[in-house]
Each structure stands twice: as C-alpha cells, then as structure tokens.
Amino acid sequence: EDEIQKRDSNFDKPLLIFEQQKAESEWDMM
C-alpha cells in the first residue's frame, strides 16, 4: 500500500485485499 501511494497518491482503483490467516477458511477467502 505504501508503494502504491508513492506512485499515485490519489490511487482510486478497486484494491481488493484478502488475507488467508484472517479468513475463516480457504473456501471462505476464495
């Protein structure tokens, strides 16, 4: 996210983030 801001401080594209260790299961995340 920091590197994105360096390139475009007004970045407004959809950025969908999924972290597996925070998900209920792989099925849930996927």
PDB file of all heavy atoms in Angstrom:
ATOM      1  N   GLU A   1       0.832  -1.208   0.000  1.00  0.00           N
ATOM      2  CA  GLU A   1       0.000   0.000   0.000  1.00  0.00           C
ATOM      3  C   GLU A   1       0.869   1.262   0.000  1.00  0.00           C
ATOM      4  O   GLU A   1       0.549   2.243  -0.679  1.00  0.00           O
ATOM      5  CB  GLU A   1      -0.937  -0.026   1.200  1.00  0.00           C
ATOM      6  CG  GLU A   1      -2.016  -1.108   1.096  1.00  0.00           C
ATOM      7  CD  GLU A   1      -2.848  -1.236   2.352  1.00  0.00           C
ATOM      8  OE1 GLU A   1      -2.296  -1.067   3.470  1.00  0.00           O
ATOM      9  OE2 GLU A   1      -4.070  -1.516   2.228  1.00  0.00           O
ATOM     10  N   ASP A   2       1.965   1.239   0.770  1.00  0.00           N
ATOM     11  CA  ASP A   2       2.879   2.392   0.781  1.00  0.00           C
ATOM     12  C   ASP A   2       3.497   2.617  -0.594  1.00  0.00           C
ATOM     13  O   ASP A   2       3.625   3.765  -1.050  1.00  0.00           O
ATOM     14  CB  ASP A   2       3.995   2.168   1.811  1.00  0.00           C
ATOM     15  CG  ASP A   2       3.509   2.286   3.244  1.00  0.00           C
ATOM     16  OD1 ASP A   2       2.398   2.809   3.457  1.00  0.00           O
ATOM     17  OD2 ASP A   2       4.228   1.822   4.161  1.00  0.00           O
ATOM     18  N   GLU A   3       3.893   1.522  -1.266  1.00  0.00           N
ATOM     19  CA  GLU A   3       4.494   1.639  -2.594  1.00  0.00           C
ATOM     20  C   GLU A   3       3.485   2.161  -3.612  1.00  0.00           C
ATOM     21  O   GLU A   3       3.842   2.911  -4.531  1.00  0.00           O
ATOM     22  CB  GLU A   3       5.059   0.289  -3.039  1.00  0.00           C
ATOM     23  CG  GLU A   3       6.283  -0.179  -2.257  1.00  0.00           C
ATOM     24  CD  GLU A   3       7.511   0.675  -2.536  1.00  0.00           C
ATOM     25  OE1 GLU A   3       7.608   1.248  -3.643  1.00  0.00           O
ATOM     26  OE2 GLU A   3       8.376   0.769  -1.652  1.00  0.00           O
ATOM     27  N   ILE A   4       2.226   1.775  -3.475  1.00  0.00           N
ATOM     28  CA  ILE A   4       1.184   2.300  -4.361  1.00  0.00           C
ATOM     29  C   ILE A   4       1.057   3.806  -4.181  1.00  0.00           C
ATOM     30  O   ILE A   4       0.975   4.567  -5.152  1.00  0.00           O
ATOM     31  CB  ILE A   4      -0.166   1.600  -4.093  1.00  0.00           C
ATOM     32  CG1 ILE A   4      -0.119   0.150  -4.615  1.00  0.00           C
ATOM     33  CG2 ILE A   4      -1.316   2.360  -4.744  1.00  0.00           C
ATOM     34  CD1 ILE A   4      -1.344  -0.677  -4.271  1.00  0.00           C
ATOM     35  N   GLN A   5       1.075   4.264  -2.924  1.00  0.00           N
ATOM     36  CA  GLN A   5       0.952   5.689  -2.645  1.00  0.00           C
ATOM     37  C   GLN A   5       2.120   6.483  -3.211  1.00  0.00           C
ATOM     38  O   GLN A   5       1.959   7.631  -3.641  1.00  0.00           O
ATOM     39  CB  GLN A   5       0.837   5.918  -1.139  1.00  0.00           C
ATOM     40  CG  GLN A   5      -0.514   5.559  -0.556  1.00  0.00           C
ATOM     41  CD  GLN A   5      -1.627   6.418  -1.126  1.00  0.00           C
ATOM     42  OE1 GLN A   5      -1.561   7.646  -1.088  1.00  0.00           O
ATOM     43  NE2 GLN A   5      -2.653   5.777  -1.675  1.00  0.00           N
ATOM     44  N   LYS A   6       3.331   5.894  -3.221  1.00  0.00           N
ATOM     45  CA  LYS A   6       4.487   6.578  -3.789  1.00  0.00           C
ATOM     46  C   LYS A   6       4.285   6.850  -5.278  1.00  0.00           C
ATOM     47  O   LYS A   6       4.762   7.861  -5.811  1.00  0.00           O
ATOM     48  CB  LYS A   6       5.753   5.734  -3.609  1.00  0.00           C
ATOM     49  CG  LYS A   6       6.245   5.614  -2.172  1.00  0.00           C
ATOM     50  CD  LYS A   6       7.475   4.706  -2.123  1.00  0.00           C
ATOM     51  CE  LYS A   6       7.936   4.469  -0.703  1.00  0.00           C
ATOM     52  NZ  LYS A   6       9.097   3.515  -0.652  1.00  0.00           N
ATOM     53  N   ARG A   7       3.597   5.959  -5.954  1.00  0.00           N
ATOM     54  CA  ARG A   7       3.403   6.076  -7.400  1.00  0.00           C
ATOM     55  C   ARG A   7       2.169   6.885  -7.753  1.00  0.00           C
ATOM     56  O   ARG A   7       2.141   7.550  -8.789  1.00  0.00           O
ATOM     57  CB  ARG A   7       3.333   4.674  -8.020  1.00  0.00           C
ATOM     58  CG  ARG A   7       4.691   3.981  -8.028  1.00  0.00           C
ATOM     59  CD  ARG A   7       4.571   2.454  -8.085  1.00  0.00           C
ATOM     60  NE  ARG A   7       5.894   1.850  -8.164  1.00  0.00           N
ATOM     61  CZ  ARG A   7       6.715   1.698  -7.121  1.00  0.00           C
ATOM     62  NH1 ARG A   7       6.328   2.112  -5.920  1.00  0.00           N
ATOM     63  NH2 ARG A   7       7.902   1.134  -7.267  1.00  0.00           N
ATOM     64  N   ASP A   8       1.143   6.795  -6.917  1.00  0.00           N
ATOM     65  CA  ASP A   8      -0.104   7.513  -7.179  1.00  0.00           C
ATOM     66  C   ASP A   8      -0.760   7.839  -5.842  1.00  0.00           C
ATOM     67  O   ASP A   8      -1.456   7.012  -5.264  1.00  0.00           O
ATOM     68  CB  ASP A   8      -1.031   6.656  -8.048  1.00  0.00           C
ATOM     69  CG  ASP A   8      -2.286   7.393  -8.468  1.00  0.00           C
ATOM     70  OD1 ASP A   8      -2.495   8.541  -8.016  1.00  0.00           O
ATOM     71  OD2 ASP A   8      -3.085   6.832  -9.249  1.00  0.00           O
ATOM     72  N   SER A   9      -0.529   9.056  -5.360  1.00  0.00           N
ATOM     73  CA  SER A   9      -1.047   9.451  -4.039  1.00  0.00           C
ATOM     74  C   SER A   9      -2.571   9.542  -4.018  1.00  0.00           C
ATOM     75  O   SER A   9      -3.179   9.558  -2.947  1.00  0.00           O
ATOM     76  CB  SER A   9      -0.439  10.792  -3.616  1.00  0.00           C
ATOM     77  OG  SER A   9      -0.746  11.802  -4.569  1.00  0.00           O
ATOM     78  N   ASN A  10      -3.184   9.607  -5.207  1.00  0.00           N
ATOM     79  CA  ASN A  10      -4.650   9.654  -5.300  1.00  0.00           C
ATOM     80  C   ASN A  10      -5.215   8.358  -5.891  1.00  0.00           C
ATOM     81  O   ASN A  10      -6.253   8.379  -6.555  1.00  0.00           O
ATOM     82  CB  ASN A  10      -5.080  10.858  -6.144  1.00  0.00           C
ATOM     83  CG  ASN A  10      -4.689  12.175  -5.514  1.00  0.00           C
ATOM     84  OD1 ASN A  10      -4.927  12.402  -4.332  1.00  0.00           O
ATOM     85  ND2 ASN A  10      -4.064  13.052  -6.300  1.00  0.00           N
ATOM     86  N   PHE A  11      -4.526   7.262  -5.653  1.00  0.00           N
ATOM     87  CA  PHE A  11      -4.942   5.962  -6.192  1.00  0.00           C
ATOM     88  C   PHE A  11      -6.401   5.685  -5.829  1.00  0.00           C
ATOM     89  O   PHE A  11      -6.781   5.707  -4.652  1.00  0.00           O
ATOM     90  CB  PHE A  11      -4.042   4.878  -5.615  1.00  0.00           C
ATOM     91  CG  PHE A  11      -4.305   3.495  -6.143  1.00  0.00           C
ATOM     92  CD1 PHE A  11      -3.731   3.068  -7.327  1.00  0.00           C
ATOM     93  CD2 PHE A  11      -5.134   2.604  -5.459  1.00  0.00           C
ATOM     94  CE1 PHE A  11      -3.951   1.783  -7.817  1.00  0.00           C
ATOM     95  CE2 PHE A  11      -5.369   1.331  -5.936  1.00  0.00           C
ATOM     96  CZ  PHE A  11      -4.777   0.918  -7.122  1.00  0.00           C
ATOM     97  N   ASP A  12      -7.226   5.435  -6.858  1.00  0.00           N
ATOM     98  CA  ASP A  12      -8.648   5.215  -6.593  1.00  0.00           C
ATOM     99  C   ASP A  12      -9.207   3.978  -7.311  1.00  0.00           C
ATOM    100  O   ASP A  12     -10.431   3.825  -7.423  1.00  0.00           O
ATOM    101  CB  ASP A  12      -9.452   6.456  -6.988  1.00  0.00           C
ATOM    102  CG  ASP A  12      -9.344   6.805  -8.472  1.00  0.00           C
ATOM    103  OD1 ASP A  12      -8.591   6.114  -9.196  1.00  0.00           O
ATOM    104  OD2 ASP A  12     -10.006   7.758  -8.913  1.00  0.00           O
ATOM    105  N   LYS A  13      -8.333   3.114  -7.795  1.00  0.00           N
ATOM    106  CA  LYS A  13      -8.815   1.872  -8.412  1.00  0.00           C
ATOM    107  C   LYS A  13      -9.290   0.899  -7.334  1.00  0.00           C
ATOM    108  O   LYS A  13      -8.822   0.958  -6.185  1.00  0.00           O
ATOM    109  CB  LYS A  13      -7.690   1.217  -9.214  1.00  0.00           C
ATOM    110  CG  LYS A  13      -7.179   2.016 -10.387  1.00  0.00           C
ATOM    111  CD  LYS A  13      -6.008   1.296 -11.048  1.00  0.00           C
ATOM    112  CE  LYS A  13      -5.400   2.114 -12.156  1.00  0.00           C
ATOM    113  NZ  LYS A  13      -4.236   1.446 -12.776  1.00  0.00           N
ATOM    114  N   PRO A  14     -10.179  -0.024  -7.679  1.00  0.00           N
ATOM    115  CA  PRO A  14     -10.549  -1.060  -6.713  1.00  0.00           C
ATOM    116  C   PRO A  14      -9.316  -1.862  -6.294  1.00  0.00           C
ATOM    117  O   PRO A  14      -8.546  -2.314  -7.148  1.00  0.00           O
ATOM    118  CB  PRO A  14     -11.524  -1.937  -7.495  1.00  0.00           C
ATOM    119  CG  PRO A  14     -12.042  -1.061  -8.598  1.00  0.00           C
ATOM    120  CD  PRO A  14     -10.923  -0.147  -8.949  1.00  0.00           C
ATOM    121  N   LEU A  15      -9.086  -1.998  -4.996  1.00  0.00           N
ATOM    122  CA  LEU A  15      -7.978  -2.773  -4.439  1.00  0.00           C
ATOM    123  C   LEU A  15      -8.579  -3.744  -3.433  1.00  0.00           C
ATOM    124  O   LEU A  15      -8.872  -3.384  -2.291  1.00  0.00           O
ATOM    125  CB  LEU A  15      -6.961  -1.844  -3.784  1.00  0.00           C
ATOM    126  CG  LEU A  15      -5.695  -2.491  -3.218  1.00  0.00           C
ATOM    127  CD1 LEU A  15      -4.828  -3.074  -4.338  1.00  0.00           C
ATOM    128  CD2 LEU A  15      -4.880  -1.474  -2.407  1.00  0.00           C
ATOM    129  N   LEU A  16      -8.798  -4.972  -3.863  1.00  0.00           N
ATOM    130  CA  LEU A  16      -9.472  -5.986  -3.050  1.00  0.00           C
ATOM    131  C   LEU A  16      -8.425  -6.848  -2.350  1.00  0.00           C
ATOM    132  O   LEU A  16      -7.650  -7.537  -3.019  1.00  0.00           O
ATOM    133  CB  LEU A  16     -10.370  -6.859  -3.926  1.00  0.00           C
ATOM    134  CG  LEU A  16     -11.294  -6.099  -4.904  1.00  0.00           C
ATOM    135  CD1 LEU A  16     -12.085  -7.089  -5.748  1.00  0.00           C
ATOM    136  CD2 LEU A  16     -12.214  -5.154  -4.149  1.00  0.00           C
ATOM    137  N   ILE A  17      -8.369  -6.804  -1.031  1.00  0.00           N
ATOM    138  CA  ILE A  17      -7.317  -7.485  -0.270  1.00  0.00           C
ATOM    139  C   ILE A  17      -7.923  -8.620   0.550  1.00  0.00           C
ATOM    140  O   ILE A  17      -8.887  -8.425   1.299  1.00  0.00           O
ATOM    141  CB  ILE A  17      -6.596  -6.492   0.657  1.00  0.00           C
ATOM    142  CG1 ILE A  17      -5.920  -5.397  -0.188  1.00  0.00           C
ATOM    143  CG2 ILE A  17      -5.562  -7.209   1.527  1.00  0.00           C
ATOM    144  CD1 ILE A  17      -5.344  -4.259   0.629  1.00  0.00           C
ATOM    145  N   PHE A  18      -7.322  -9.800   0.409  1.00  0.00           N
ATOM    146  CA  PHE A  18      -7.780 -10.987   1.133  1.00  0.00           C
ATOM    147  C   PHE A  18      -6.579 -11.645   1.813  1.00  0.00           C
ATOM    148  O   PHE A  18      -5.630 -12.040   1.131  1.00  0.00           O
ATOM    149  CB  PHE A  18      -8.462 -11.967   0.176  1.00  0.00           C
ATOM    150  CG  PHE A  18      -9.623 -11.365  -0.553  1.00  0.00           C
ATOM    151  CD1 PHE A  18      -9.436 -10.758  -1.796  1.00  0.00           C
ATOM    152  CD2 PHE A  18     -10.891 -11.371  -0.004  1.00  0.00           C
ATOM    153  CE1 PHE A  18     -10.504 -10.173  -2.472  1.00  0.00           C
ATOM    154  CE2 PHE A  18     -11.965 -10.788  -0.681  1.00  0.00           C
ATOM    155  CZ  PHE A  18     -11.764 -10.188  -1.913  1.00  0.00           C
ATOM    156  N   GLU A  19      -6.628 -11.721   3.144  1.00  0.00           N
ATOM    157  CA  GLU A  19      -5.511 -12.284   3.908  1.00  0.00           C
ATOM    158  C   GLU A  19      -5.946 -13.619   4.506  1.00  0.00           C
ATOM    159  O   GLU A  19      -6.862 -13.677   5.325  1.00  0.00           O
ATOM    160  CB  GLU A  19      -5.075 -11.311   5.003  1.00  0.00           C
ATOM    161  CG  GLU A  19      -3.744 -11.671   5.629  1.00  0.00           C
ATOM    162  CD  GLU A  19      -3.141 -10.501   6.373  1.00  0.00           C
ATOM    163  OE1 GLU A  19      -2.499  -9.655   5.715  1.00  0.00           O
ATOM    164  OE2 GLU A  19      -3.315 -10.439   7.591  1.00  0.00           O
ATOM    165  N   GLN A  20      -5.266 -14.679   4.099  1.00  0.00           N
ATOM    166  CA  GLN A  20      -5.727 -16.020   4.431  1.00  0.00           C
ATOM    167  C   GLN A  20      -5.697 -16.308   5.923  1.00  0.00           C
ATOM    168  O   GLN A  20      -6.587 -16.993   6.457  1.00  0.00           O
ATOM    169  CB  GLN A  20      -4.882 -17.065   3.683  1.00  0.00           C
ATOM    170  CG  GLN A  20      -5.463 -18.473   3.789  1.00  0.00           C
ATOM    171  CD  GLN A  20      -4.934 -19.386   2.704  1.00  0.00           C
ATOM    172  OE1 GLN A  20      -4.098 -19.004   1.908  1.00  0.00           O
ATOM    173  NE2 GLN A  20      -5.435 -20.612   2.664  1.00  0.00           N
ATOM    174  N   GLN A  21      -4.709 -15.807   6.637  1.00  0.00           N
ATOM    175  CA  GLN A  21      -4.615 -16.092   8.067  1.00  0.00           C
ATOM    176  C   GLN A  21      -5.672 -15.370   8.889  1.00  0.00           C
ATOM    177  O   GLN A  21      -5.816 -15.632  10.084  1.00  0.00           O
ATOM    178  CB  GLN A  21      -3.210 -15.762   8.572  1.00  0.00           C
ATOM    179  CG  GLN A  21      -2.156 -16.745   8.041  1.00  0.00           C
ATOM    180  CD  GLN A  21      -0.732 -16.344   8.355  1.00  0.00           C
ATOM    181  OE1 GLN A  21      -0.463 -15.208   8.741  1.00  0.00           O
ATOM    182  NE2 GLN A  21       0.204 -17.265   8.176  1.00  0.00           N
ATOM    183  N   LYS A  22      -6.421 -14.470   8.249  1.00  0.00           N
ATOM    184  CA  LYS A  22      -7.537 -13.804   8.923  1.00  0.00           C
ATOM    185  C   LYS A  22      -8.889 -14.361   8.488  1.00  0.00           C
ATOM    186  O   LYS A  22      -9.923 -13.979   9.040  1.00  0.00           O
ATOM    187  CB  LYS A  22      -7.494 -12.299   8.638  1.00  0.00           C
ATOM    188  CG  LYS A  22      -6.313 -11.569   9.265  1.00  0.00           C
ATOM    189  CD  LYS A  22      -6.362 -10.084   8.938  1.00  0.00           C
ATOM    190  CE  LYS A  22      -5.194  -9.345   9.576  1.00  0.00           C
ATOM    191  NZ  LYS A  22      -5.207  -7.891   9.241  1.00  0.00           N
ATOM    192  N   ALA A  23      -8.869 -15.249   7.488  1.00  0.00           N
ATOM    193  CA  ALA A  23     -10.111 -15.803   6.954  1.00  0.00           C
ATOM    194  C   ALA A  23     -10.576 -16.996   7.790  1.00  0.00           C
ATOM    195  O   ALA A  23      -9.774 -17.663   8.457  1.00  0.00           O
ATOM    196  CB  ALA A  23      -9.917 -16.227   5.504  1.00  0.00           C
ATOM    197  N   GLU A  24     -11.856 -17.277   7.748  1.00  0.00           N
ATOM    198  CA  GLU A  24     -12.406 -18.436   8.469  1.00  0.00           C
ATOM    199  C   GLU A  24     -11.897 -19.742   7.882  1.00  0.00           C
ATOM    200  O   GLU A  24     -11.687 -20.719   8.596  1.00  0.00           O
ATOM    201  CB  GLU A  24     -13.933 -18.398   8.421  1.00  0.00           C
ATOM    202  CG  GLU A  24     -14.553 -17.234   9.173  1.00  0.00           C
ATOM    203  CD  GLU A  24     -16.064 -17.241   9.097  1.00  0.00           C
ATOM    204  OE1 GLU A  24     -16.622 -18.226   8.532  1.00  0.00           O
ATOM    205  OE2 GLU A  24     -16.698 -16.291   9.578  1.00  0.00           O
ATOM    206  N   SER A  25     -11.689 -19.748   6.568  1.00  0.00           N
ATOM    207  CA  SER A  25     -11.198 -20.939   5.873  1.00  0.00           C
ATOM    208  C   SER A  25     -10.738 -20.522   4.488  1.00  0.00           C
ATOM    209  O   SER A  25     -11.005 -19.387   4.043  1.00  0.00           O
ATOM    210  CB  SER A  25     -12.305 -21.994   5.748  1.00  0.00           C
ATOM    211  OG  SER A  25     -13.360 -21.503   4.927  1.00  0.00           O
ATOM    212  N   GLU A  26     -10.041 -21.430   3.808  1.00  0.00           N
ATOM    213  CA  GLU A  26      -9.660 -21.136   2.426  1.00  0.00           C
ATOM    214  C   GLU A  26     -10.895 -20.939   1.569  1.00  0.00           C
ATOM    215  O   GLU A  26     -10.939 -20.038   0.723  1.00  0.00           O
ATOM    216  CB  GLU A  26      -8.803 -22.267   1.866  1.00  0.00           C
ATOM    217  CG  GLU A  26      -8.346 -22.035   0.433  1.00  0.00           C
ATOM    218  CD  GLU A  26      -7.553 -23.194  -0.143  1.00  0.00           C
ATOM    219  OE1 GLU A  26      -6.445 -23.458   0.368  1.00  0.00           O
ATOM    220  OE2 GLU A  26      -8.047 -23.836  -1.090  1.00  0.00           O
ATOM    221  N   TRP A  27     -11.905 -21.755   1.756  1.00  0.00           N
ATOM    222  CA  TRP A  27     -13.152 -21.640   0.993  1.00  0.00           C
ATOM    223  C   TRP A  27     -13.780 -20.268   1.191  1.00  0.00           C
ATOM    224  O   TRP A  27     -14.223 -19.624   0.239  1.00  0.00           O
ATOM    225  CB  TRP A  27     -14.121 -22.735   1.406  1.00  0.00           C
ATOM    226  CG  TRP A  27     -15.488 -22.606   0.778  1.00  0.00           C
ATOM    227  CD1 TRP A  27     -16.608 -22.112   1.364  1.00  0.00           C
ATOM    228  CD2 TRP A  27     -15.850 -22.950  -0.553  1.00  0.00           C
ATOM    229  NE1 TRP A  27     -17.668 -22.124   0.489  1.00  0.00           N
ATOM    230  CE2 TRP A  27     -17.229 -22.645  -0.697  1.00  0.00           C
ATOM    231  CE3 TRP A  27     -15.162 -23.493  -1.642  1.00  0.00           C
ATOM    232  CZ2 TRP A  27     -17.913 -22.857  -1.896  1.00  0.00           C
ATOM    233  CZ3 TRP A  27     -15.857 -23.713  -2.830  1.00  0.00           C
ATOM    234  CH2 TRP A  27     -17.212 -23.394  -2.946  1.00  0.00           C
ATOM    235  N   ASP A  28     -13.801 -19.822   2.439  1.00  0.00           N
ATOM    236  CA  ASP A  28     -14.365 -18.501   2.747  1.00  0.00           C
ATOM    237  C   ASP A  28     -13.605 -17.415   1.993  1.00  0.00           C
ATOM    238  O   ASP A  28     -14.210 -16.554   1.343  1.00  0.00           O
ATOM    239  CB  ASP A  28     -14.299 -18.250   4.259  1.00  0.00           C
ATOM    240  CG  ASP A  28     -14.597 -16.816   4.621  1.00  0.00           C
ATOM    241  OD1 ASP A  28     -15.720 -16.353   4.358  1.00  0.00           O
ATOM    242  OD2 ASP A  28     -13.696 -16.140   5.170  1.00  0.00           O
ATOM    243  N   MET A  29     -12.269 -17.436   2.060  1.00  0.00           N
ATOM    244  CA  MET A  29     -11.482 -16.402   1.397  1.00  0.00           C
ATOM    245  C   MET A  29     -11.646 -16.458  -0.113  1.00  0.00           C
ATOM    246  O   MET A  29     -11.850 -15.427  -0.778  1.00  0.00           O
ATOM    247  CB  MET A  29      -9.999 -16.545   1.751  1.00  0.00           C
ATOM    248  CG  MET A  29      -9.131 -15.462   1.117  1.00  0.00           C
ATOM    249  SD  MET A  29      -7.353 -15.699   1.318  1.00  0.00           S
ATOM    250  CE  MET A  29      -7.036 -16.953   0.064  1.00  0.00           C
ATOM    251  N   MET A  30     -11.562 -17.646  -0.673  1.00  0.00           N
ATOM    252  CA  MET A  30     -11.574 -17.779  -2.122  1.00  0.00           C
ATOM    253  C   MET A  30     -12.934 -17.434  -2.721  1.00  0.00           C
ATOM    254  O   MET A  30     -13.022 -16.806  -3.779  1.00  0.00           O
ATOM    255  CB  MET A  30     -11.165 -19.198  -2.505  1.00  0.00           C
ATOM    256  CG  MET A  30      -9.693 -19.498  -2.250  1.00  0.00           C
ATOM    257  SD  MET A  30      -8.620 -18.592  -3.389  1.00  0.00           S
ATOM    258  CE  MET A  30      -8.917 -19.508  -4.902  1.00  0.00           C
TER     259      MET A  30
END
